């Protein structure tokens, strides 16, 4: 049992050590010369406009959540596609049921206007 999970544990430990070493090295060894230009707020290549504490619309969060939901849906479809032949008719029916629920959810949010982006 332990032999099965040992490589995964080793990868996690090794990657954590490497990330920690890079972070520590950059923090202690990196040069720090803050200038006025470096300390200015920066946003996608242009100066920021507006206040820092402006609250975003609920539409923004709803769109973000929908994006995550449909990304997770794609994550469930890929393993099914890999095992498609071995799952048989039951696997096909289960995936059609899953996709039907996702399509119904998409139609629902479309009818509610959640996909319309108006300020």
N, C-alpha and C. Protein backbone atom coordinates (compact mmCIF):
# COMPACT_ATOMS: atom_id res chain seq x y z
N UNK A 1 0.82 -1.19 0.00
CA UNK A 1 0.00 0.00 0.00
C UNK A 1 0.87 1.26 0.00
N UNK A 2 1.87 1.29 0.87
CA UNK A 2 2.74 2.46 0.94
C UNK A 2 3.56 2.57 -0.34
N UNK A 3 3.95 1.45 -0.93
CA UNK A 3 4.74 1.47 -2.15
C UNK A 3 3.96 2.10 -3.31
N UNK A 4 2.65 1.99 -3.26
CA UNK A 4 1.82 2.57 -4.31
C UNK A 4 1.85 4.10 -4.25
N UNK A 5 1.79 4.64 -3.05
CA UNK A 5 1.72 6.09 -2.87
C UNK A 5 3.08 6.75 -2.64
N UNK A 6 4.13 5.99 -2.50
CA UNK A 6 5.46 6.54 -2.25
C UNK A 6 5.93 7.49 -3.36
N UNK A 7 5.76 7.14 -4.65
CA UNK A 7 6.21 8.09 -5.68
C UNK A 7 5.45 9.42 -5.63
N UNK A 8 4.15 9.37 -5.36
CA UNK A 8 3.37 10.61 -5.27
C UNK A 8 3.85 11.45 -4.09
N UNK A 9 4.06 10.81 -2.96
CA UNK A 9 4.55 11.51 -1.78
C UNK A 9 5.93 12.11 -2.05
N UNK A 10 6.78 11.36 -2.73
CA UNK A 10 8.12 11.84 -3.05
C UNK A 10 8.07 13.07 -3.96
N UNK A 11 7.19 13.03 -4.96
CA UNK A 11 7.04 14.18 -5.87
C UNK A 11 6.54 15.39 -5.11
N UNK A 12 5.56 15.22 -4.23
CA UNK A 12 5.04 16.33 -3.44
C UNK A 12 6.12 16.94 -2.54
N UNK A 13 6.88 16.09 -1.87
CA UNK A 13 7.93 16.58 -0.98
C UNK A 13 9.03 17.29 -1.78
N UNK A 14 9.44 16.67 -2.87
CA UNK A 14 10.50 17.26 -3.69
C UNK A 14 10.07 18.59 -4.30
N UNK A 15 8.86 18.66 -4.83
CA UNK A 15 8.40 19.91 -5.42
C UNK A 15 8.22 20.99 -4.36
N UNK A 16 7.78 20.63 -3.16
CA UNK A 16 7.67 21.61 -2.08
C UNK A 16 9.04 22.13 -1.66
N UNK A 17 10.02 21.26 -1.59
CA UNK A 17 11.37 21.69 -1.25
C UNK A 17 11.96 22.62 -2.31
N UNK A 18 11.75 22.28 -3.58
CA UNK A 18 12.28 23.13 -4.66
C UNK A 18 11.59 24.49 -4.65
N UNK A 19 10.27 24.51 -4.50
CA UNK A 19 9.54 25.78 -4.46
C UNK A 19 9.98 26.61 -3.26
N UNK A 20 10.14 25.98 -2.12
CA UNK A 20 10.60 26.70 -0.92
C UNK A 20 12.01 27.24 -1.09
N UNK A 21 12.87 26.45 -1.73
CA UNK A 21 14.24 26.91 -1.95
C UNK A 21 14.27 28.10 -2.90
N UNK A 22 13.48 28.06 -3.96
CA UNK A 22 13.43 29.19 -4.90
C UNK A 22 12.87 30.43 -4.21
N UNK A 23 11.83 30.28 -3.43
CA UNK A 23 11.23 31.42 -2.73
C UNK A 23 12.21 32.02 -1.74
N UNK A 24 12.86 31.16 -0.95
CA UNK A 24 13.82 31.64 0.03
C UNK A 24 15.01 32.29 -0.65
N UNK A 25 15.52 31.67 -1.70
CA UNK A 25 16.65 32.24 -2.43
C UNK A 25 16.32 33.60 -3.03
N UNK A 26 15.13 33.72 -3.60
CA UNK A 26 14.74 35.00 -4.20
C UNK A 26 14.55 36.07 -3.13
N UNK A 27 14.04 35.66 -1.96
CA UNK A 27 13.79 36.63 -0.89
C UNK A 27 15.09 37.16 -0.29
N UNK A 28 16.06 36.27 -0.09
CA UNK A 28 17.29 36.68 0.58
C UNK A 28 18.40 37.13 -0.38
N UNK A 29 18.47 36.54 -1.55
CA UNK A 29 19.56 36.84 -2.46
C UNK A 29 19.22 37.89 -3.51
N UNK A 30 17.95 38.10 -3.75
CA UNK A 30 17.54 39.05 -4.79
C UNK A 30 17.83 40.48 -4.39
N UNK A 31 18.16 41.29 -5.39
CA UNK A 31 18.42 42.70 -5.11
C UNK A 31 17.09 43.43 -4.96
N UNK A 32 17.06 44.34 -4.01
CA UNK A 32 15.85 45.10 -3.75
C UNK A 32 16.18 46.58 -3.90
N UNK A 33 15.81 47.14 -5.02
CA UNK A 33 16.03 48.55 -5.27
C UNK A 33 14.70 49.17 -5.68
N UNK A 34 13.84 49.44 -4.70
CA UNK A 34 12.54 50.02 -5.05
C UNK A 34 12.69 51.45 -5.56
N UNK A 35 12.12 51.72 -6.70
CA UNK A 35 12.11 53.06 -7.25
C UNK A 35 10.66 53.54 -7.32
N UNK A 36 10.48 54.79 -7.64
CA UNK A 36 9.13 55.33 -7.73
C UNK A 36 8.33 54.59 -8.81
N UNK A 37 8.96 54.30 -9.94
CA UNK A 37 8.28 53.60 -11.04
C UNK A 37 7.86 52.19 -10.62
N UNK A 38 8.71 51.50 -9.89
CA UNK A 38 8.40 50.13 -9.47
C UNK A 38 7.28 50.08 -8.45
N UNK A 39 7.12 51.12 -7.67
CA UNK A 39 6.12 51.12 -6.61
C UNK A 39 4.74 51.60 -7.09
N UNK A 40 4.64 52.07 -8.33
CA UNK A 40 3.35 52.52 -8.85
C UNK A 40 2.45 51.33 -9.14
N UNK A 41 1.14 51.48 -8.95
CA UNK A 41 0.22 50.40 -9.31
C UNK A 41 0.30 50.12 -10.81
N UNK A 42 0.23 48.88 -11.17
CA UNK A 42 0.39 48.48 -12.56
C UNK A 42 -0.73 47.52 -12.92
N UNK A 43 -1.37 47.76 -14.06
CA UNK A 43 -2.48 46.90 -14.44
C UNK A 43 -2.45 46.67 -15.95
N UNK A 44 -2.04 45.52 -16.35
CA UNK A 44 -2.06 45.10 -17.75
C UNK A 44 -1.38 46.08 -18.70
N UNK A 45 -0.28 46.64 -18.30
CA UNK A 45 0.46 47.51 -19.18
C UNK A 45 0.02 48.96 -19.18
N UNK A 46 -0.98 49.29 -18.40
CA UNK A 46 -1.41 50.68 -18.34
C UNK A 46 -1.65 51.07 -16.88
N UNK A 47 -1.67 52.36 -16.66
CA UNK A 47 -1.88 52.82 -15.29
C UNK A 47 -3.30 52.48 -14.84
N UNK A 48 -3.44 52.15 -13.55
CA UNK A 48 -4.77 51.82 -13.03
C UNK A 48 -5.61 53.08 -12.94
N UNK A 49 -6.89 52.88 -13.16
CA UNK A 49 -7.83 53.98 -13.02
C UNK A 49 -8.88 53.57 -12.01
N UNK A 50 -9.43 54.51 -11.30
CA UNK A 50 -10.46 54.20 -10.33
C UNK A 50 -9.87 53.89 -8.97
N UNK A 51 -10.76 53.72 -8.01
CA UNK A 51 -10.33 53.44 -6.65
C UNK A 51 -9.94 51.99 -6.46
N UNK A 52 -9.15 51.78 -5.45
CA UNK A 52 -8.71 50.41 -5.15
C UNK A 52 -9.79 49.61 -4.46
N UNK A 53 -10.70 50.29 -3.81
CA UNK A 53 -11.71 49.59 -3.01
C UNK A 53 -13.07 49.58 -3.67
N UNK A 54 -13.10 49.67 -5.00
CA UNK A 54 -14.36 49.63 -5.72
C UNK A 54 -14.85 48.19 -5.74
N UNK A 55 -16.09 47.99 -5.34
CA UNK A 55 -16.65 46.63 -5.31
C UNK A 55 -17.11 46.25 -6.71
N UNK A 56 -16.81 45.03 -7.09
CA UNK A 56 -17.22 44.53 -8.39
C UNK A 56 -18.68 44.10 -8.36
N UNK A 57 -19.29 44.10 -9.51
CA UNK A 57 -20.68 43.69 -9.62
C UNK A 57 -20.81 42.19 -9.34
N UNK A 58 -22.00 41.80 -8.92
CA UNK A 58 -22.27 40.39 -8.67
C UNK A 58 -22.19 39.60 -9.97
N UNK A 59 -22.47 40.26 -11.09
CA UNK A 59 -22.38 39.60 -12.39
C UNK A 59 -20.97 39.05 -12.64
N UNK A 60 -19.97 39.79 -12.18
CA UNK A 60 -18.59 39.34 -12.36
C UNK A 60 -18.37 38.01 -11.64
N UNK A 61 -18.83 37.92 -10.40
CA UNK A 61 -18.65 36.69 -9.63
C UNK A 61 -19.48 35.55 -10.20
N UNK A 62 -20.68 35.85 -10.67
CA UNK A 62 -21.52 34.82 -11.26
C UNK A 62 -20.87 34.26 -12.52
N UNK A 63 -20.32 35.14 -13.34
CA UNK A 63 -19.64 34.69 -14.55
C UNK A 63 -18.41 33.85 -14.20
N UNK A 64 -17.68 34.25 -13.18
CA UNK A 64 -16.50 33.49 -12.75
C UNK A 64 -16.90 32.10 -12.25
N UNK A 65 -17.97 32.02 -11.48
CA UNK A 65 -18.42 30.73 -10.97
C UNK A 65 -18.89 29.83 -12.12
N UNK A 66 -19.61 30.41 -13.09
CA UNK A 66 -20.04 29.62 -14.25
C UNK A 66 -18.84 29.11 -15.03
N UNK A 67 -17.82 29.94 -15.16
CA UNK A 67 -16.61 29.50 -15.86
C UNK A 67 -15.99 28.30 -15.15
N UNK A 68 -15.91 28.37 -13.83
CA UNK A 68 -15.34 27.26 -13.06
C UNK A 68 -16.20 26.01 -13.20
N UNK A 69 -17.52 26.16 -13.14
CA UNK A 69 -18.41 25.00 -13.26
C UNK A 69 -18.21 24.30 -14.60
N UNK A 70 -18.14 25.07 -15.68
CA UNK A 70 -17.99 24.43 -16.98
C UNK A 70 -16.57 23.92 -17.20
N UNK A 71 -15.58 24.46 -16.52
CA UNK A 71 -14.24 23.86 -16.56
C UNK A 71 -14.23 22.52 -15.84
N UNK A 72 -14.91 22.45 -14.71
CA UNK A 72 -14.98 21.19 -13.97
C UNK A 72 -15.72 20.15 -14.79
N UNK A 73 -16.74 20.58 -15.52
CA UNK A 73 -17.47 19.67 -16.40
C UNK A 73 -16.52 19.08 -17.44
N UNK A 74 -15.65 19.91 -17.99
CA UNK A 74 -14.69 19.41 -18.98
C UNK A 74 -13.72 18.42 -18.35
N UNK A 75 -13.38 18.63 -17.09
CA UNK A 75 -12.48 17.72 -16.39
C UNK A 75 -13.14 16.34 -16.23
N UNK A 76 -14.45 16.30 -16.08
CA UNK A 76 -15.14 15.01 -15.97
C UNK A 76 -15.30 14.32 -17.32
N UNK A 77 -15.34 15.07 -18.39
CA UNK A 77 -15.54 14.48 -19.72
C UNK A 77 -14.25 13.82 -20.23
N UNK A 78 -13.09 14.38 -19.95
CA UNK A 78 -11.84 13.82 -20.47
C UNK A 78 -11.56 12.38 -20.02
N UNK A 79 -11.66 12.07 -18.72
CA UNK A 79 -11.43 10.67 -18.34
C UNK A 79 -12.45 9.71 -18.95
N UNK A 80 -13.68 10.18 -19.09
CA UNK A 80 -14.70 9.35 -19.72
C UNK A 80 -14.31 9.06 -21.17
N UNK A 81 -13.80 10.06 -21.87
CA UNK A 81 -13.42 9.87 -23.27
C UNK A 81 -12.27 8.88 -23.39
N UNK A 82 -11.36 8.88 -22.42
CA UNK A 82 -10.24 7.95 -22.45
C UNK A 82 -10.71 6.51 -22.25
N UNK A 83 -11.68 6.33 -21.35
CA UNK A 83 -12.19 4.99 -21.03
C UNK A 83 -13.47 4.64 -21.78
N UNK A 84 -13.77 5.35 -22.84
CA UNK A 84 -15.05 5.23 -23.54
C UNK A 84 -15.38 3.79 -23.92
N UNK A 85 -14.48 3.09 -24.55
CA UNK A 85 -14.76 1.73 -25.03
C UNK A 85 -14.98 0.73 -23.90
N UNK A 86 -14.25 0.89 -22.80
CA UNK A 86 -14.37 -0.09 -21.72
C UNK A 86 -15.61 0.15 -20.84
N UNK A 87 -16.22 1.32 -20.92
CA UNK A 87 -17.37 1.63 -20.07
C UNK A 87 -18.68 1.06 -20.61
N UNK A 88 -18.73 0.83 -21.89
CA UNK A 88 -19.92 0.23 -22.49
C UNK A 88 -21.11 1.18 -22.52
N UNK A 89 -22.31 0.58 -22.65
CA UNK A 89 -23.54 1.35 -22.78
C UNK A 89 -23.89 2.09 -21.49
N UNK A 90 -23.56 1.49 -20.36
CA UNK A 90 -23.84 2.16 -19.09
C UNK A 90 -23.03 3.45 -18.97
N UNK A 91 -21.78 3.42 -19.36
CA UNK A 91 -20.95 4.63 -19.34
C UNK A 91 -21.46 5.68 -20.31
N UNK A 92 -21.91 5.25 -21.48
CA UNK A 92 -22.46 6.18 -22.46
C UNK A 92 -23.72 6.84 -21.93
N UNK A 93 -24.62 6.02 -21.34
CA UNK A 93 -25.85 6.57 -20.78
C UNK A 93 -25.59 7.52 -19.63
N UNK A 94 -24.62 7.18 -18.79
CA UNK A 94 -24.28 8.05 -17.66
C UNK A 94 -23.74 9.38 -18.14
N UNK A 95 -22.91 9.36 -19.17
CA UNK A 95 -22.37 10.61 -19.69
C UNK A 95 -23.45 11.44 -20.35
N UNK A 96 -24.37 10.80 -21.07
CA UNK A 96 -25.48 11.55 -21.67
C UNK A 96 -26.33 12.20 -20.57
N UNK A 97 -26.55 11.48 -19.47
CA UNK A 97 -27.29 12.06 -18.35
C UNK A 97 -26.56 13.25 -17.76
N UNK A 98 -25.26 13.12 -17.57
CA UNK A 98 -24.44 14.21 -17.02
C UNK A 98 -24.47 15.42 -17.94
N UNK A 99 -24.28 15.18 -19.24
CA UNK A 99 -24.29 16.29 -20.19
C UNK A 99 -25.67 16.92 -20.30
N UNK A 100 -26.73 16.13 -20.14
CA UNK A 100 -28.09 16.69 -20.16
C UNK A 100 -28.28 17.66 -18.99
N UNK A 101 -27.78 17.29 -17.81
CA UNK A 101 -27.88 18.18 -16.65
C UNK A 101 -27.10 19.46 -16.91
N UNK A 102 -25.91 19.35 -17.50
CA UNK A 102 -25.10 20.53 -17.78
C UNK A 102 -25.79 21.42 -18.81
N UNK A 103 -26.38 20.83 -19.84
CA UNK A 103 -27.09 21.62 -20.86
C UNK A 103 -28.30 22.31 -20.26
N UNK A 104 -29.05 21.62 -19.40
CA UNK A 104 -30.19 22.25 -18.74
C UNK A 104 -29.72 23.41 -17.88
N UNK A 105 -28.62 23.25 -17.16
CA UNK A 105 -28.07 24.34 -16.35
C UNK A 105 -27.65 25.52 -17.23
N UNK A 106 -27.05 25.24 -18.37
CA UNK A 106 -26.64 26.30 -19.28
C UNK A 106 -27.85 27.05 -19.83
N UNK A 107 -28.89 26.33 -20.20
CA UNK A 107 -30.11 26.97 -20.69
C UNK A 107 -30.73 27.83 -19.59
N UNK A 108 -30.72 27.33 -18.37
CA UNK A 108 -31.28 28.08 -17.24
C UNK A 108 -30.55 29.41 -17.02
N UNK A 109 -29.22 29.37 -16.98
CA UNK A 109 -28.47 30.61 -16.74
C UNK A 109 -28.57 31.53 -17.95
N UNK A 110 -28.73 30.98 -19.14
CA UNK A 110 -28.92 31.81 -20.33
C UNK A 110 -30.25 32.54 -20.27
N UNK A 111 -31.32 31.82 -19.88
CA UNK A 111 -32.64 32.44 -19.77
C UNK A 111 -32.68 33.47 -18.66
N UNK A 112 -31.93 33.27 -17.58
CA UNK A 112 -31.89 34.22 -16.47
C UNK A 112 -31.05 35.44 -16.81
N UNK A 113 -30.32 35.42 -17.92
CA UNK A 113 -29.51 36.56 -18.32
C UNK A 113 -28.16 36.62 -17.65
N UNK A 114 -27.70 35.51 -17.09
CA UNK A 114 -26.42 35.51 -16.38
C UNK A 114 -25.24 35.59 -17.35
N UNK A 115 -25.47 35.29 -18.62
CA UNK A 115 -24.37 35.33 -19.59
C UNK A 115 -24.29 36.68 -20.30
N UNK A 116 -25.21 37.57 -20.03
CA UNK A 116 -25.18 38.91 -20.62
C UNK A 116 -24.22 39.77 -19.81
N UNK A 117 -23.31 40.44 -20.47
CA UNK A 117 -22.32 41.26 -19.77
C UNK A 117 -22.61 42.73 -20.05
N UNK A 118 -23.38 43.33 -19.15
CA UNK A 118 -23.70 44.75 -19.25
C UNK A 118 -23.35 45.40 -17.93
N UNK A 119 -22.69 46.56 -17.97
CA UNK A 119 -22.28 47.20 -16.72
C UNK A 119 -23.45 47.85 -16.02
